[in-house]
Amino acid sequence: ATVCVGDTVRFKDLSNSTYQVNRWAWNFDDFSPLDTQQNPVHIFTKGGLFNVGFAVANSKGCKDTSFAKILVDPFSPNVGNDTSIVQGETITFNGFSGSDYLWSPSKYLSDPTIANPVGTFPDTGTFVYIVTAKSELTGCPGRDSMKVHVYSGPSLAMPNAFTPNGDGKNDRFRPIIIGYRE
């Protein structure tokens, strides 16, 4: 079965026994505690392939186990890093790995329902855009965000720290140049 991150998944005990089943144990393979309900509800908070285990015991002490693989789609659209531009310039947003895009707010965007709208910023300031999209494979929803810093004119900034951890944000210590052309 395939589900989305954050979905409520209902599990059902379909075991048969001549004697009354009186103990249940569900292991969702995601480091959550064992669930001892007969028909539990579970929410997977991360994507991945989970081998869900189920054990039952009846009143005579007989036990049985069963396993089922659950694929949890970790879909998250990726719009890239925050960016800086000069007032009046345009930027093309780059949404990829999804479908059914919706950018919010729609202010300054050419079309908030496409993957790559063009933003034109007549005002200065910091604008936060949130995009929601669906996985093309499973239809699972996802979201990402980015900030657009709009300056009144070209500028040069030197960061006072950097984090070279490979996450694509502040990995290199270098000046940030805004609004200059080659």
Protein backbone atom coordinates (compact mmCIF):
# COMPACT_ATOMS: atom_id res chain seq x y z
CA ALA A 1 0.00 0.00 0.00
CA THR A 2 1.10 3.59 -0.62
CA VAL A 3 0.12 6.49 1.63
CA CYS A 4 1.22 10.10 2.04
CA VAL A 5 3.25 11.60 4.87
CA GLY A 6 0.77 12.88 7.43
CA ASP A 7 -2.14 10.69 6.29
CA THR A 8 -4.21 8.98 8.96
CA VAL A 9 -3.85 5.25 8.27
CA ARG A 10 -6.39 2.85 9.76
CA PHE A 11 -5.18 -0.69 10.43
CA LYS A 12 -7.65 -3.55 10.89
CA ASP A 13 -7.19 -6.87 12.64
CA LEU A 14 -8.46 -9.58 10.26
CA SER A 15 -7.15 -12.51 12.31
CA ASN A 16 -9.26 -15.63 12.92
CA SER A 17 -9.02 -17.80 15.97
CA THR A 18 -11.10 -20.57 17.50
CA TYR A 19 -10.42 -18.95 20.87
CA GLN A 20 -10.86 -15.29 21.71
CA VAL A 21 -8.00 -13.03 20.58
CA ASN A 22 -7.12 -10.90 23.57
CA ARG A 23 -3.71 -9.33 22.78
CA TRP A 24 -2.49 -7.27 19.86
CA ALA A 25 0.82 -5.59 19.10
CA TRP A 26 1.45 -3.37 16.08
CA ASN A 27 5.00 -2.29 15.20
CA PHE A 28 4.91 0.48 12.59
CA ASP A 29 8.69 0.31 11.93
CA ASP A 30 9.10 4.06 12.47
CA PHE A 31 10.43 4.15 16.05
CA SER A 32 6.99 4.92 17.47
CA PRO A 33 5.88 2.88 20.51
CA LEU A 34 4.12 -0.45 19.99
CA ASP A 35 0.38 -0.01 19.65
CA THR A 36 -1.72 -2.59 21.52
CA GLN A 37 -5.13 -1.63 20.15
CA GLN A 38 -7.01 -4.13 18.03
CA ASN A 39 -7.60 -1.68 15.16
CA PRO A 40 -5.19 1.25 15.58
CA VAL A 41 -4.85 4.48 13.69
CA HIS A 42 -1.34 5.67 12.82
CA ILE A 43 0.22 8.72 11.17
CA PHE A 44 3.60 8.33 9.45
CA THR A 45 5.55 11.57 9.82
CA LYS A 46 8.39 10.70 7.42
CA GLY A 47 8.58 9.04 4.04
CA GLY A 48 10.05 5.63 3.34
CA LEU A 49 9.25 1.95 3.07
CA PHE A 50 7.97 0.57 6.37
CA ASN A 51 7.62 -3.12 7.24
CA VAL A 52 4.63 -3.00 9.59
CA GLY A 53 4.48 -5.96 11.95
CA PHE A 54 1.35 -7.30 13.63
CA ALA A 55 1.23 -9.90 16.38
CA VAL A 56 -1.81 -11.43 18.07
CA ALA A 57 -2.36 -13.90 20.88
CA ASN A 58 -5.51 -15.69 21.95
CA SER A 59 -6.81 -16.73 25.35
CA LYS A 60 -5.01 -20.11 25.10
CA GLY A 61 -1.64 -18.43 24.50
CA CYS A 62 -1.39 -19.21 20.78
CA LYS A 63 0.42 -16.49 18.84
CA ASP A 64 0.72 -15.42 15.22
CA THR A 65 2.48 -12.64 13.35
CA SER A 66 2.03 -10.94 10.02
CA PHE A 67 3.89 -8.24 8.10
CA ALA A 68 2.89 -5.76 5.42
CA LYS A 69 5.00 -3.24 3.55
CA ILE A 70 3.70 0.33 3.55
CA LEU A 71 5.27 2.89 1.20
CA VAL A 72 4.98 6.41 2.58
CA ASP A 73 5.57 8.96 -0.18
CA PRO A 74 7.98 11.64 1.11
CA PHE A 75 6.99 14.10 -1.65
CA SER A 76 8.12 17.67 -1.24
CA PRO A 77 8.30 20.10 -4.14
CA ASN A 78 11.59 21.93 -4.36
CA VAL A 79 11.65 25.62 -5.30
CA GLY A 80 15.31 26.23 -4.53
CA ASN A 81 17.07 28.63 -2.23
CA ASP A 82 15.99 32.07 -1.11
CA THR A 83 17.13 34.77 -3.51
CA SER A 84 17.82 38.49 -3.77
CA ILE A 85 17.10 40.84 -6.67
CA VAL A 86 16.97 44.55 -7.43
CA GLN A 87 13.64 46.37 -7.57
CA GLY A 88 12.09 46.23 -11.05
CA GLU A 89 13.94 43.07 -12.10
CA THR A 90 12.16 39.82 -12.77
CA ILE A 91 12.79 36.34 -11.43
CA THR A 92 11.55 33.03 -12.76
CA PHE A 93 10.51 30.72 -9.95
CA ASN A 94 11.57 27.11 -10.46
CA GLY A 95 9.08 24.65 -9.09
CA PHE A 96 9.84 21.10 -10.09
CA SER A 97 9.02 17.51 -9.16
CA GLY A 98 5.28 17.83 -9.00
CA SER A 99 2.02 18.94 -10.59
CA ASP A 100 -1.01 21.09 -9.75
CA TYR A 101 1.06 24.01 -8.48
CA LEU A 102 -0.37 26.84 -6.42
CA TRP A 103 1.86 29.74 -5.32
CA SER A 104 0.73 31.95 -2.46
CA PRO A 105 0.46 34.86 -2.27
CA SER A 106 -0.11 35.45 -5.97
CA LYS A 107 0.97 39.11 -5.74
CA TYR A 108 3.62 40.03 -8.36
CA LEU A 109 3.44 36.59 -10.05
CA SER A 110 2.55 36.07 -13.72
CA ASP A 111 0.49 32.94 -13.00
CA PRO A 112 0.30 31.35 -9.53
CA THR A 113 -0.94 28.02 -10.93
CA ILE A 114 2.13 27.03 -12.98
CA ALA A 115 5.45 25.49 -11.93
CA ASN A 116 7.59 28.42 -13.11
CA PRO A 117 5.80 31.76 -12.75
CA VAL A 118 7.67 34.99 -13.40
CA GLY A 119 7.80 37.44 -10.53
CA THR A 120 8.12 41.18 -11.16
CA PHE A 121 8.72 43.25 -8.05
CA PRO A 122 7.99 46.98 -8.22
CA ASP A 123 8.39 47.31 -4.43
CA THR A 124 11.31 46.66 -2.09
CA GLY A 125 11.06 44.30 0.85
CA THR A 126 11.11 40.61 1.66
CA PHE A 127 8.40 38.48 0.08
CA VAL A 128 7.72 34.93 1.23
CA TYR A 129 6.13 32.57 -1.27
CA ILE A 130 4.69 29.18 -0.40
CA VAL A 131 4.07 26.64 -3.13
CA THR A 132 1.85 23.61 -2.81
CA ALA A 133 1.93 20.83 -5.38
CA LYS A 134 1.07 17.17 -5.80
CA SER A 135 3.35 14.20 -6.43
CA GLU A 136 3.01 13.08 -10.03
CA LEU A 137 3.47 9.49 -8.88
CA THR A 138 0.99 9.24 -6.00
CA GLY A 139 -0.92 12.53 -5.83
CA CYS A 140 0.43 13.19 -2.34
CA PRO A 141 0.50 16.89 -1.43
CA GLY A 142 3.66 18.74 -0.55
CA ARG A 143 4.84 22.28 0.08
CA ASP A 144 7.96 24.39 0.04
CA SER A 145 8.73 28.06 0.46
CA MET A 146 11.23 30.65 -0.57
CA LYS A 147 12.00 34.26 0.28
CA VAL A 148 12.65 36.92 -2.31
CA HIS A 149 14.61 39.89 -0.95
CA VAL A 150 14.08 42.94 -3.17
CA TYR A 151 16.56 45.81 -2.83
CA SER A 152 16.25 49.34 -4.19
CA GLY A 153 19.56 49.14 -6.04
CA PRO A 154 22.69 47.04 -6.54
CA SER A 155 24.50 46.06 -3.37
CA LEU A 156 27.28 43.93 -2.02
CA ALA A 157 27.05 42.10 1.29
CA MET A 158 29.57 39.99 3.15
CA PRO A 159 28.16 37.30 5.47
CA ASN A 160 29.58 37.00 8.97
CA ALA A 161 29.19 33.21 9.12
CA PHE A 162 28.73 30.15 6.93
CA THR A 163 27.53 26.57 7.40
CA PRO A 164 29.35 24.18 5.05
CA ASN A 165 27.03 21.23 5.68
CA GLY A 166 25.94 20.53 2.09
CA ASP A 167 22.34 21.76 2.45
CA GLY A 168 22.74 24.39 -0.29
CA LYS A 169 22.36 27.31 2.13
CA ASN A 170 25.42 29.31 3.11
CA ASP A 171 27.76 26.45 2.17
CA ARG A 172 30.41 28.81 0.76
CA PHE A 173 31.90 31.90 2.36
CA ARG A 174 31.79 34.56 -0.34
CA PRO A 175 30.35 38.02 -0.98
CA ILE A 176 26.70 38.22 -1.97
CA ILE A 177 26.39 40.40 -5.06
CA ILE A 178 22.95 41.76 -5.89
CA GLY A 179 22.04 43.59 -9.10
CA TYR A 180 25.40 43.63 -10.88
CA ARG A 181 25.71 42.29 -14.41
CA GLU A 182 28.80 40.76 -16.01
